Amino acid sequence: MTRIDLNADLGEGFGRWALADDDALLALVTSANVACGFHAGDPGTMRAVTRGAAAAGVRVGAHVSYRDLAGFGRRFVDVAPAELADDVLYQLGALDGFARTAGDRVRYVKPHGALYNAIVRHEAQARAVVDAVREYDPSLPVVGLPGSAVLRLAEDAGLPTVREAFADRGYLPSGELVPRGREGAVLHDPAQVAARVVGLVTTGTVRAVDGTEVAVDAGSVCVHSDTPGAVELLRAVRRALEDAGVVVRAFAAPDDAGR
């Protein structure tokens, strides 16, 4: 039986400003990557989203980032590895506190934005992220791009890993994402995105921007909450997967398989 996890980035508001409809997204995803305050999010938002996720039976993940609130975490920061490890640990502990008060806890770690892209190849920063997760809780899975340095180092360190694909982002022939700002970076049509995800999940391939087929082995598929029409995209993706006989369920972790 084919199964897949659906994740989205939640809690990416700040104060009175809200980026996405978190309540609507929680009704569609099985895992929620919750902003931890460094690229978005504030204590009240973290509390509200973790409480909502616990009530909906949605797994909570720490969406850790560079310290870049003004740039929404989408600018590379040449931060020293030791400082980056401390920043990741700080964010992870903060979100876990709110998750625990909601009756759950953080179940995985997924880097955000520029940090996510950097640690595909940046060995020192990838190791810093892995070191922080291992120090906090070596049972926490790390979510990342297939073939990335961070997943390789996490596996070497004995951490569980989850390979991720993207519903609404274009792929390069290398299997990396098309950089934002370039043509084909973000996809918007719900029918196109839904069909693409069904193909990716059932065949393990996705068409790159140059027309070639790229192999993608994924345990989770992400829809970005700041993509225009994200709720409609996710609704179309989930419906298409279920119509194709794919079980939409959170990925199995060592201590909560089947959750």
Protein backbone atom coordinates (compact mmCIF):
# COMPACT_ATOMS: atom_id res chain seq x y z
CA MET A 1 0.00 0.00 0.00
CA THR A 2 1.44 3.39 -1.03
CA ARG A 3 1.40 6.04 1.69
CA ILE A 4 2.69 9.58 1.94
CA ASP A 5 2.93 12.37 4.48
CA LEU A 6 1.71 15.87 3.57
CA ASN A 7 3.40 18.80 5.26
CA ALA A 8 3.11 22.58 5.15
CA ASP A 9 4.80 25.50 6.87
CA LEU A 10 2.58 26.93 9.61
CA GLY A 11 2.80 29.69 12.17
CA GLU A 12 4.60 31.99 9.74
CA GLY A 13 2.98 35.16 10.97
CA PHE A 14 4.24 37.64 13.53
CA GLY A 15 2.17 39.58 16.05
CA ARG A 16 -0.98 40.81 14.34
CA TRP A 17 0.31 39.87 10.88
CA ALA A 18 -0.74 36.46 9.53
CA LEU A 19 0.69 34.88 6.38
CA ALA A 20 -1.59 31.89 5.85
CA ASP A 21 -4.79 30.24 7.05
CA ASP A 22 -3.26 27.90 9.61
CA ASP A 23 -6.61 26.42 10.70
CA ALA A 24 -7.52 25.46 7.12
CA LEU A 25 -4.08 23.98 6.52
CA LEU A 26 -4.25 21.90 9.72
CA ALA A 27 -7.37 20.23 8.34
CA LEU A 28 -5.41 19.02 5.29
CA VAL A 29 -1.85 18.19 6.38
CA THR A 30 -0.50 15.32 8.44
CA SER A 31 2.65 17.18 9.55
CA ALA A 32 3.06 20.88 10.39
CA ASN A 33 6.43 22.63 10.12
CA VAL A 34 6.01 25.35 12.73
CA ALA A 35 8.08 28.54 12.61
CA CYS A 36 10.17 28.97 15.75
CA GLY A 37 10.64 32.74 15.86
CA PHE A 38 13.77 33.27 13.76
CA HIS A 39 12.22 33.72 10.31
CA ALA A 40 8.63 34.13 11.48
CA GLY A 41 6.45 33.22 14.43
CA ASP A 42 6.11 34.59 17.93
CA PRO A 43 5.23 32.93 21.26
CA GLY A 44 1.48 33.44 20.89
CA THR A 45 1.51 32.04 17.37
CA MET A 46 3.60 29.05 18.39
CA ARG A 47 1.19 28.31 21.24
CA ALA A 48 -1.88 28.60 18.99
CA VAL A 49 -0.49 26.43 16.20
CA THR A 50 0.84 23.67 18.47
CA ARG A 51 -2.48 23.59 20.30
CA GLY A 52 -4.36 23.39 17.01
CA ALA A 53 -2.06 20.67 15.70
CA ALA A 54 -2.48 18.56 18.84
CA ALA A 55 -6.27 18.86 18.62
CA ALA A 56 -6.24 17.88 14.93
CA GLY A 57 -3.84 14.95 15.40
CA VAL A 58 -1.23 16.62 13.21
CA ARG A 59 2.46 15.99 13.92
CA VAL A 60 4.46 19.07 14.95
CA GLY A 61 7.90 19.72 13.47
CA ALA A 62 10.39 22.47 14.29
CA HIS A 63 10.87 24.68 11.23
CA VAL A 64 14.26 26.07 12.22
CA SER A 65 15.89 28.94 10.34
CA TYR A 66 18.69 31.42 10.12
CA ARG A 67 18.22 34.42 12.42
CA ASP A 68 16.64 36.49 9.62
CA LEU A 69 13.23 37.85 10.52
CA ALA A 70 13.43 40.74 8.06
CA GLY A 71 14.31 38.45 5.16
CA PHE A 72 11.88 35.68 6.15
CA GLY A 73 14.83 33.29 6.37
CA ARG A 74 15.32 33.27 2.62
CA ARG A 75 18.77 34.91 2.63
CA PHE A 76 21.92 32.88 3.13
CA VAL A 77 23.74 33.79 6.35
CA ASP A 78 27.43 32.97 6.67
CA VAL A 79 27.09 32.08 10.34
CA ALA A 80 29.73 30.14 12.27
CA PRO A 81 28.73 26.49 12.74
CA ALA A 82 28.85 26.68 16.53
CA GLU A 83 26.55 29.70 16.52
CA LEU A 84 24.19 28.01 14.06
CA ALA A 85 24.01 24.91 16.26
CA ASP A 86 23.08 27.10 19.22
CA ASP A 87 20.42 28.89 17.16
CA VAL A 88 18.88 25.59 16.07
CA LEU A 89 18.91 24.27 19.64
CA TYR A 90 17.28 27.48 20.89
CA GLN A 91 14.45 27.27 18.35
CA LEU A 92 13.89 23.57 18.91
CA GLY A 93 13.63 23.96 22.66
CA ALA A 94 11.25 26.92 22.40
CA LEU A 95 8.79 25.16 20.11
CA ASP A 96 8.98 21.93 22.09
CA GLY A 97 7.93 23.83 25.20
CA PHE A 98 4.75 25.01 23.52
CA ALA A 99 4.09 21.59 21.99
CA ARG A 100 4.37 19.96 25.40
CA THR A 101 1.93 22.39 26.99
CA ALA A 102 -0.48 21.40 24.21
CA GLY A 103 -0.13 17.74 25.21
CA ASP A 104 2.31 16.66 22.52
CA ARG A 105 5.94 17.41 21.64
CA VAL A 106 8.10 18.22 18.64
CA ARG A 107 8.30 15.10 16.44
CA TYR A 108 10.85 16.12 13.79
CA VAL A 109 13.06 18.95 12.54
CA LYS A 110 12.87 20.56 9.10
CA PRO A 111 15.13 23.52 8.26
CA HIS A 112 13.51 26.47 6.50
CA GLY A 113 14.26 28.52 3.42
CA ALA A 114 17.86 29.49 2.74
CA LEU A 115 19.14 27.20 5.49
CA TYR A 116 17.31 24.23 3.93
CA ASN A 117 18.90 24.99 0.55
CA ALA A 118 22.36 25.75 1.94
CA ILE A 119 22.72 22.46 3.78
CA VAL A 120 22.12 20.49 0.62
CA ARG A 121 25.82 21.16 -0.04
CA HIS A 122 27.24 23.24 2.85
CA GLU A 123 28.90 20.55 4.95
CA ALA A 124 29.80 22.71 7.97
CA GLN A 125 26.32 24.18 8.38
CA ALA A 126 24.71 20.80 7.73
CA ARG A 127 26.83 19.28 10.48
CA ALA A 128 25.84 22.11 12.84
CA VAL A 129 22.15 21.35 12.32
CA VAL A 130 22.74 17.63 12.86
CA ASP A 131 24.79 18.27 16.00
CA ALA A 132 22.04 20.42 17.50
CA VAL A 133 19.32 17.84 16.82
CA ARG A 134 21.44 14.98 18.12
CA GLU A 135 22.26 16.91 21.31
CA TYR A 136 18.61 17.73 21.95
CA ASP A 137 17.02 14.39 21.05
CA PRO A 138 18.71 11.79 18.82
CA SER A 139 15.36 10.14 18.11
CA LEU A 140 14.06 13.17 16.18
CA PRO A 141 13.92 12.67 12.40
CA VAL A 142 15.51 15.30 10.16
CA VAL A 143 13.51 16.19 7.04
CA GLY A 144 15.45 17.30 3.96
CA LEU A 145 16.08 17.08 0.24
CA PRO A 146 17.11 13.66 -1.13
CA GLY A 147 20.86 13.49 -1.68
CA SER A 148 21.58 16.43 0.62
CA ALA A 149 24.57 16.72 2.91
CA VAL A 150 22.34 17.17 5.94
CA LEU A 151 20.55 13.85 5.42
CA ARG A 152 23.82 12.02 4.81
CA LEU A 153 25.37 13.47 7.97
CA ALA A 154 22.22 12.80 9.96
CA GLU A 155 22.24 9.17 8.90
CA ASP A 156 25.94 8.92 9.77
CA ALA A 157 25.10 10.28 13.23
CA GLY A 158 22.35 7.70 13.71
CA LEU A 159 19.44 10.11 13.35
CA PRO A 160 16.28 9.07 11.50
CA THR A 161 15.79 10.89 8.20
CA VAL A 162 12.84 11.67 5.94
CA ARG A 163 13.31 12.55 2.28
CA GLU A 164 11.05 15.29 1.06
CA ALA A 165 9.54 16.36 -2.25
CA PHE A 166 7.80 19.62 -3.13
CA ALA A 167 4.39 19.87 -4.72
CA ASP A 168 4.54 23.52 -5.71
CA ARG A 169 8.21 24.01 -6.60
CA GLY A 170 10.07 23.41 -9.84
CA TYR A 171 12.98 20.95 -10.01
CA LEU A 172 16.36 21.25 -11.67
CA PRO A 173 17.79 18.20 -13.49
CA SER A 174 20.11 17.76 -10.46
CA GLY A 175 17.11 17.12 -8.21
CA GLU A 176 17.54 20.48 -6.47
CA LEU A 177 14.83 23.15 -6.46
CA VAL A 178 14.69 25.94 -9.02
CA PRO A 179 15.82 29.08 -7.13
CA ARG A 180 13.00 31.46 -6.27
CA GLY A 181 12.80 34.34 -8.71
CA ARG A 182 13.61 32.17 -11.72
CA GLU A 183 10.99 31.04 -14.23
CA GLY A 184 9.35 27.78 -13.20
CA ALA A 185 10.33 28.09 -9.53
CA VAL A 186 6.77 28.07 -8.16
CA LEU A 187 3.72 26.22 -9.54
CA HIS A 188 0.21 27.55 -8.99
CA ASP A 189 -2.36 25.48 -10.92
CA PRO A 190 -4.13 23.06 -8.51
CA ALA A 191 -4.91 20.44 -11.17
CA GLN A 192 -1.34 20.47 -12.49
CA VAL A 193 0.17 20.31 -9.01
CA ALA A 194 -2.17 17.50 -7.91
CA ALA A 195 -1.41 15.36 -10.97
CA ARG A 196 2.31 15.99 -10.51
CA VAL A 197 2.21 14.86 -6.88
CA VAL A 198 0.27 11.68 -7.69
CA GLY A 199 2.87 10.85 -10.33
CA LEU A 200 5.72 11.61 -7.97
CA VAL A 201 4.31 9.45 -5.18
CA THR A 202 3.31 6.50 -7.37
CA THR A 203 6.27 6.44 -9.79
CA GLY A 204 9.07 8.08 -7.80
CA THR A 205 9.82 10.59 -10.55
CA VAL A 206 9.07 14.23 -11.31
CA ARG A 207 9.58 16.25 -14.48
CA ALA A 208 12.32 18.89 -14.21
CA VAL A 209 12.11 22.32 -15.82
CA ASP A 210 14.12 21.10 -18.82
CA GLY A 211 11.69 18.23 -19.43
CA THR A 212 13.86 15.44 -18.06
CA GLU A 213 12.56 12.97 -15.49
CA VAL A 214 14.20 13.19 -12.07
CA ALA A 215 14.08 10.32 -9.56
CA VAL A 216 12.68 11.48 -6.21
CA ASP A 217 12.39 9.06 -3.30
CA ALA A 218 10.17 10.89 -0.81
CA GLY A 219 8.41 10.06 2.43
CA SER A 220 6.79 13.48 2.68
CA VAL A 221 5.47 16.09 0.24
CA CYS A 222 5.40 19.80 1.06
CA VAL A 223 3.09 22.57 -0.10
CA HIS A 224 4.36 26.02 0.91
CA SER A 225 1.74 27.92 2.86
CA ASP A 226 2.82 31.25 1.31
CA THR A 227 2.21 30.02 -2.24
CA PRO A 228 -0.90 31.87 -3.48
CA GLY A 229 -3.92 29.58 -3.14
CA ALA A 230 -2.05 27.16 -0.86
CA VAL A 231 -5.22 25.82 0.75
CA GLU A 232 -6.76 25.07 -2.64
CA LEU A 233 -3.51 23.44 -3.77
CA LEU A 234 -3.38 21.21 -0.72
CA ARG A 235 -7.04 20.31 -0.99
CA ALA A 236 -6.56 19.30 -4.64
CA VAL A 237 -3.41 17.31 -3.83
CA ARG A 238 -5.00 15.42 -0.96
CA ARG A 239 -8.14 14.61 -2.95
CA ALA A 240 -6.10 13.39 -5.93
CA LEU A 241 -3.90 11.19 -3.75
CA GLU A 242 -6.87 9.61 -2.01
CA ASP A 243 -8.65 9.08 -5.33
CA ALA A 244 -5.50 7.29 -6.56
CA GLY A 245 -5.59 4.95 -3.56
CA VAL A 246 -2.65 6.55 -1.76
CA VAL A 247 -2.91 6.57 2.04
CA VAL A 248 -2.21 10.07 3.37
CA ARG A 249 -0.66 9.62 6.79
CA ALA A 250 2.23 11.02 8.79
CA PHE A 251 5.56 9.34 8.21
CA ALA A 252 6.50 6.68 10.75
CA ALA A 253 9.00 7.78 13.40
CA PRO A 254 10.79 5.40 15.80
CA ASP A 255 8.49 6.15 18.74
CA ASP A 256 5.17 6.97 17.09
CA ALA A 257 4.74 4.74 14.05
CA GLY A 258 1.23 4.99 12.70
CA ARG A 259 0.44 8.27 14.48
